[in-house]
Protein backbone atom coordinates (compact mmCIF):
# COMPACT_ATOMS: atom_id res chain seq x y z
CA MET A 1 -7.94 -22.87 7.94
CA ARG A 2 -7.23 -22.00 4.37
CA SER A 3 -3.76 -22.38 2.95
CA ALA A 4 -1.90 -19.81 0.84
CA ARG A 5 1.41 -19.96 -0.95
CA MET A 6 3.80 -17.25 -2.07
CA ALA A 7 3.23 -16.00 -5.57
CA SER A 8 5.78 -15.35 -8.24
CA PHE A 9 4.14 -11.89 -8.19
CA ALA A 10 0.79 -10.46 -7.92
CA ILE A 11 1.31 -3.71 -6.64
CA ALA A 12 -0.81 -3.75 -3.34
CA GLY A 13 -0.35 -1.88 -0.58
CA VAL A 14 1.46 1.37 0.62
CA SER A 15 -0.71 0.08 -1.76
CA LEU A 16 -2.50 -0.43 -5.29
CA ALA A 17 -6.00 -1.83 -6.02
CA LEU A 18 -7.48 -3.80 -8.89
CA VAL A 19 -10.49 -1.52 -9.40
CA SER A 20 -11.87 -0.57 -12.77
CA GLY A 21 -11.54 3.16 -12.14
CA PRO A 22 -11.72 5.91 -9.52
CA LEU A 23 -14.51 5.26 -7.04
CA PHE A 24 -15.21 8.95 -6.60
CA ALA A 25 -14.17 12.27 -8.07
CA GLU A 26 -11.65 14.47 -6.28
CA ASP A 27 -14.29 16.95 -5.09
CA GLU A 28 -16.81 14.30 -3.99
CA ILE A 29 -17.31 13.34 -0.36
CA ALA A 30 -17.83 9.59 -0.53
CA VAL A 31 -19.47 7.84 2.41
CA ALA A 32 -20.47 4.21 2.49
CA SER A 33 -23.99 3.33 3.59
CA VAL A 34 -24.47 1.12 6.61
CA ASP A 35 -25.59 -1.57 4.13
CA ALA A 36 -22.40 -1.39 2.05
CA THR A 37 -20.94 -4.74 1.10
CA ALA A 38 -17.51 -5.87 2.21
CA VAL A 39 -16.17 -5.63 -1.35
CA GLN A 40 -17.54 -2.08 -1.76
CA LEU A 41 -15.81 -1.03 1.45
CA LEU A 42 -12.54 -2.62 0.42
CA GLN A 43 -12.68 -1.00 -3.02
CA GLY A 44 -13.28 2.38 -1.42
CA ALA A 45 -10.38 1.99 1.01
CA LEU A 46 -7.97 0.91 -1.72
CA GLU A 47 -9.06 3.66 -4.09
CA LEU A 48 -8.99 6.48 -1.53
CA THR A 49 -5.37 7.45 -2.20
CA ARG A 50 -5.45 6.68 -5.91
CA GLY A 51 -7.08 8.12 -8.98
CA ALA A 52 -6.85 7.38 -12.67
CA SER A 53 -3.31 8.66 -12.14
CA SER A 54 -1.69 10.21 -9.09
CA TYR A 55 1.42 11.89 -7.70
CA THR A 56 2.42 11.86 -4.05
CA ARG A 57 5.42 13.03 -2.04
CA LEU A 58 6.07 11.23 1.22
CA ALA A 59 8.43 11.05 4.19
CA MET A 60 9.44 7.70 5.64
CA LYS A 61 10.92 7.11 9.09
CA ILE A 62 12.44 3.73 9.95
CA HIS A 63 12.69 3.23 13.73
CA ARG A 64 14.73 0.70 15.65
CA PRO A 65 15.49 0.59 19.40
CA ASP A 66 18.96 2.06 18.87
CA TRP A 67 18.62 4.13 15.67
CA GLU A 68 16.29 5.98 13.32
CA ARG A 69 16.53 6.74 9.62
CA ASN A 70 14.59 9.42 7.74
CA MET A 71 13.96 9.34 4.00
CA GLU A 72 11.82 11.15 1.42
CA LEU A 73 10.33 9.77 -1.77
CA GLU A 74 8.02 10.51 -4.67
CA ALA A 75 5.47 8.12 -6.16
CA TRP A 76 3.49 8.14 -9.40
CA THR A 77 0.67 5.75 -10.29
CA GLN A 78 -1.41 5.13 -13.39
CA GLY A 79 -4.47 2.93 -13.53
CA GLN A 80 -4.43 0.06 -11.08
CA GLU A 81 -1.29 -1.75 -12.15
CA ASP A 82 1.59 0.68 -12.79
CA ALA A 83 3.63 2.63 -10.25
CA LEU A 84 7.03 4.28 -9.92
CA ILE A 85 8.58 5.08 -6.52
CA ARG A 86 11.78 7.13 -6.34
CA PHE A 87 13.76 8.18 -3.26
CA THR A 88 14.85 11.83 -3.14
CA ALA A 89 16.58 12.04 0.27
CA PRO A 90 18.97 11.53 1.93
CA ALA A 91 21.58 12.09 -0.75
CA LYS A 92 23.01 8.58 -0.49
CA ASP A 93 19.60 7.09 -1.34
CA ALA A 94 18.49 9.65 -3.91
CA GLY A 95 17.68 8.00 -7.21
CA ASN A 96 17.00 4.54 -5.81
CA ALA A 97 13.75 3.50 -7.46
CA THR A 98 11.16 0.75 -7.74
CA LEU A 99 8.96 0.26 -10.80
CA LYS A 100 5.85 -1.91 -10.92
CA LEU A 101 4.63 -2.77 -14.42
CA ALA A 102 1.59 -5.05 -14.46
CA ASP A 103 2.91 -8.28 -12.92
CA SER A 104 6.60 -7.35 -12.89
CA MET A 105 8.68 -5.36 -10.42
CA TRP A 106 12.01 -3.71 -11.20
CA THR A 107 14.56 -1.93 -9.00
CA PHE A 108 17.30 0.56 -9.85
CA VAL A 109 20.34 1.62 -7.82
CA PRO A 110 22.14 4.58 -9.44
CA GLN A 111 25.47 3.81 -7.73
CA LEU A 112 25.52 0.48 -9.55
CA LYS A 113 24.05 1.98 -12.72
CA ARG A 114 22.01 -1.16 -13.02
CA GLU A 115 18.36 -2.12 -13.09
CA ALA A 116 17.15 -5.55 -12.05
CA ARG A 117 13.91 -7.45 -12.23
CA LEU A 118 12.94 -8.72 -8.79
CA PRO A 119 12.48 -12.51 -8.68
CA SER A 120 9.69 -14.07 -6.63
CA SER A 121 12.25 -15.44 -4.16
CA MET A 122 13.08 -11.87 -3.08
CA MET A 123 9.54 -10.54 -2.71
CA SER A 124 9.45 -11.17 1.04
CA GLN A 125 12.65 -9.19 1.63
CA SER A 126 12.60 -5.78 3.28
CA TRP A 127 12.02 -2.82 1.00
CA ALA A 128 14.61 -0.07 1.62
CA SER A 129 15.47 -1.66 5.01
CA SER A 130 11.99 -0.76 6.27
CA ASP A 131 9.22 -2.82 7.85
CA PHE A 132 7.53 -3.00 4.46
CA SER A 133 8.41 -5.88 2.16
CA TYR A 134 8.30 -5.91 -1.62
CA ASN A 135 5.20 -8.07 -1.19
CA ASP A 136 3.57 -5.21 0.73
CA LEU A 137 4.19 -2.99 -2.28
CA SER A 138 2.75 -5.48 -4.72
CA ARG A 139 -0.37 -6.97 -3.24
CA SER A 140 -3.37 -4.66 -3.39
CA ASP A 141 -4.89 -6.18 -6.49
CA ASN A 142 -4.81 -9.52 -4.65
CA TYR A 143 -7.59 -8.50 -2.28
CA LEU A 144 -10.27 -8.56 -4.94
CA ARG A 145 -8.81 -11.50 -6.85
CA TYR A 146 -7.77 -13.98 -4.21
CA TYR A 147 -9.60 -13.23 -0.96
CA GLU A 148 -13.03 -13.85 0.47
CA VAL A 149 -13.94 -10.55 2.15
CA GLN A 150 -16.45 -10.40 5.00
CA ILE A 151 -17.76 -7.76 7.39
CA VAL A 152 -17.30 -9.26 10.86
CA ASP A 153 -18.20 -6.24 13.02
CA ARG A 154 -19.48 -2.67 12.83
CA ASN A 155 -19.94 0.06 15.43
CA GLN A 156 -20.32 3.81 15.81
CA GLU A 157 -17.27 5.89 16.64
CA ASP A 158 -16.78 9.68 16.47
CA GLY A 159 -19.74 10.13 14.15
CA HIS A 160 -18.68 7.37 11.75
CA THR A 161 -19.76 3.80 11.19
CA VAL A 162 -16.60 1.74 11.67
CA PHE A 163 -16.40 -1.62 9.89
CA SER A 164 -14.12 -4.57 10.60
CA LEU A 165 -13.30 -6.67 7.55
CA GLN A 166 -11.82 -10.14 7.51
CA MET A 167 -9.97 -11.22 4.37
CA THR A 168 -9.33 -14.95 3.99
CA PRO A 169 -7.43 -16.25 0.96
CA TYR A 170 -8.99 -18.92 -1.22
CA ASP A 171 -7.41 -22.36 -0.99
CA ASP A 172 -5.36 -21.96 -4.18
CA ALA A 173 -4.61 -18.25 -3.78
CA PRO A 174 -0.99 -17.26 -4.55
CA VAL A 175 -0.63 -15.00 -1.51
CA VAL A 176 1.65 -14.83 1.52
CA TRP A 177 -0.66 -14.23 4.48
CA GLY A 178 -3.06 -16.71 6.07
CA ARG A 179 -5.52 -13.94 6.98
CA GLU A 180 -5.74 -10.17 7.00
CA THR A 181 -8.07 -7.96 9.00
CA MET A 182 -8.89 -4.33 8.27
CA VAL A 183 -10.73 -1.70 10.30
CA LEU A 184 -12.07 1.26 8.32
CA ARG A 185 -14.57 4.09 8.58
CA ASP A 186 -17.60 4.68 6.38
CA ASP A 187 -15.61 7.35 4.49
CA TYR A 188 -13.13 4.59 3.51
CA VAL A 189 -10.35 5.85 5.78
CA MET A 190 -8.43 2.81 6.98
CA LEU A 191 -7.74 2.80 10.72
CA SER A 192 -5.71 -0.39 10.96
CA GLN A 193 -4.71 -3.51 9.07
CA THR A 194 -3.29 -6.67 10.65
CA PHE A 195 -1.40 -9.41 8.82
CA HIS A 196 -1.55 -13.02 10.08
CA ASP A 197 0.63 -15.96 9.08
CA GLN A 198 -0.63 -19.41 8.05
CA ASP A 199 -1.15 -20.29 11.74
CA LEU A 200 -3.23 -17.09 12.10
CA ILE A 201 -0.62 -15.47 14.34
CA ALA A 202 -0.50 -11.69 13.90
CA LEU A 203 2.96 -10.70 12.64
CA LYS A 204 2.58 -7.14 11.36
CA GLN A 205 0.14 -4.30 11.86
CA MET A 206 -0.37 -1.01 10.07
CA GLU A 207 -2.12 1.76 12.01
CA THR A 208 -3.32 5.19 10.97
CA ARG A 209 -1.78 7.76 13.31
CA ASN A 210 -3.24 10.95 11.85
CA ILE A 211 -6.15 11.76 9.52
CA GLY A 212 -6.68 15.00 7.63
CA PRO A 213 -7.43 16.69 4.31
CA LEU A 214 -4.94 16.43 1.45
CA GLY A 215 -5.41 16.48 -2.30
CA GLY A 216 -9.10 17.25 -1.91
CA ARG A 217 -9.77 14.17 0.22
CA GLU A 218 -9.80 13.15 3.86
CA ILE A 219 -7.08 10.51 4.04
CA PRO A 220 -4.71 8.82 6.49
CA LEU A 221 -1.84 11.33 6.64
CA VAL A 222 0.46 9.24 8.81
CA MET A 223 0.56 5.43 8.85
CA ARG A 224 2.82 3.16 10.89
CA MET A 225 3.77 -0.43 10.05
CA SER A 226 4.91 -2.33 13.15
CA ASP A 227 6.69 -5.65 13.37
CA LEU A 228 4.72 -7.43 16.11
CA ALA A 229 7.49 -10.01 16.57
CA GLU A 230 10.14 -7.34 17.19
CA PRO A 231 9.27 -4.76 19.88
CA ASP A 232 9.92 -1.14 18.96
CA HIS A 233 10.51 -1.95 15.27
CA TRP A 234 8.33 0.20 13.04
CA THR A 235 8.25 2.26 9.86
CA GLU A 236 6.14 5.39 9.50
CA ILE A 237 4.91 6.87 6.22
CA ARG A 238 3.74 10.51 6.16
CA TYR A 239 2.07 12.23 3.21
CA LEU A 240 3.62 15.61 2.37
CA GLU A 241 1.89 16.36 -0.93
CA ALA A 242 -0.74 14.63 -3.05
CA ASP A 243 -2.45 15.11 -6.41
CA PHE A 244 -4.98 12.36 -7.05
CA ASP A 245 -5.87 13.74 -10.47
CA ALA A 246 -2.34 14.24 -11.77
CA ASN A 247 -1.62 14.20 -15.49
CA VAL A 248 1.08 11.53 -15.43
CA PRO A 249 2.36 10.48 -18.87
CA ALA A 250 2.65 6.82 -19.75
CA SER A 251 6.37 7.37 -20.32
CA LYS A 252 6.78 7.67 -16.54
CA PHE A 253 6.15 3.93 -16.22
CA THR A 254 9.05 2.58 -18.25
CA ARG A 255 12.42 1.11 -17.43
CA PHE A 256 13.90 4.20 -19.09
CA ALA A 257 12.09 6.37 -16.51
CA LEU A 258 13.11 3.97 -13.74
CA ARG A 259 16.71 4.98 -14.39
CA GLY A 260 15.74 8.65 -14.08
CA GLU A 261 16.40 9.35 -17.74
CA ARG A 262 14.30 11.69 -19.88
């Protein structure tokens, strides 16, 4: 078993990939060949909901056995390293924002009128009280840097070749998980992703609940992250709007923009 330690910071998931550019144009239908390599499949999956720059509007539902919370947010990305996420609803959360700049992450809470750089010791904490952590928002470039990626299974399902990938961190990789597994179709749509600890016990799982067209692409429209150690604890993300070829100015990815100032 390979060991992995927590990094001071590596943005990945709900996620961002370290890929040199868009894998396919907005109007292309990209399908992996049956001979595609594991890295090609992973690149395609990570790039599916990103472009050179993008804008998305999403709804997030946090579910617990005795309560639910509904939120809305907007997200902008540029390249493979910069992202800004801002909550728009409910009113008490509107303006709360997270900014990822290269290898740094910043948060802003308008009620406190203060921005703060997130230290590595807080990266495993829950993001917005959800089942996503700050690490989940900051890891996608890790997959191509720090993991050995292998195809461990493939089969035919609903007219698609479905691949199972196993991602094992290198011995000195600055990552949290001991192993990750991903199931995805030949059109790069991710069906599930499971996160294992250092003892290879599955702790969290993200599943695609609905697939459909948006922003000129077939993408996972609804995804649910479940805490496997806590029954009936999950967070669902639903795409409401997407532009994967948005003209997002560089000024959007600044601490000035994080505060919502123009």
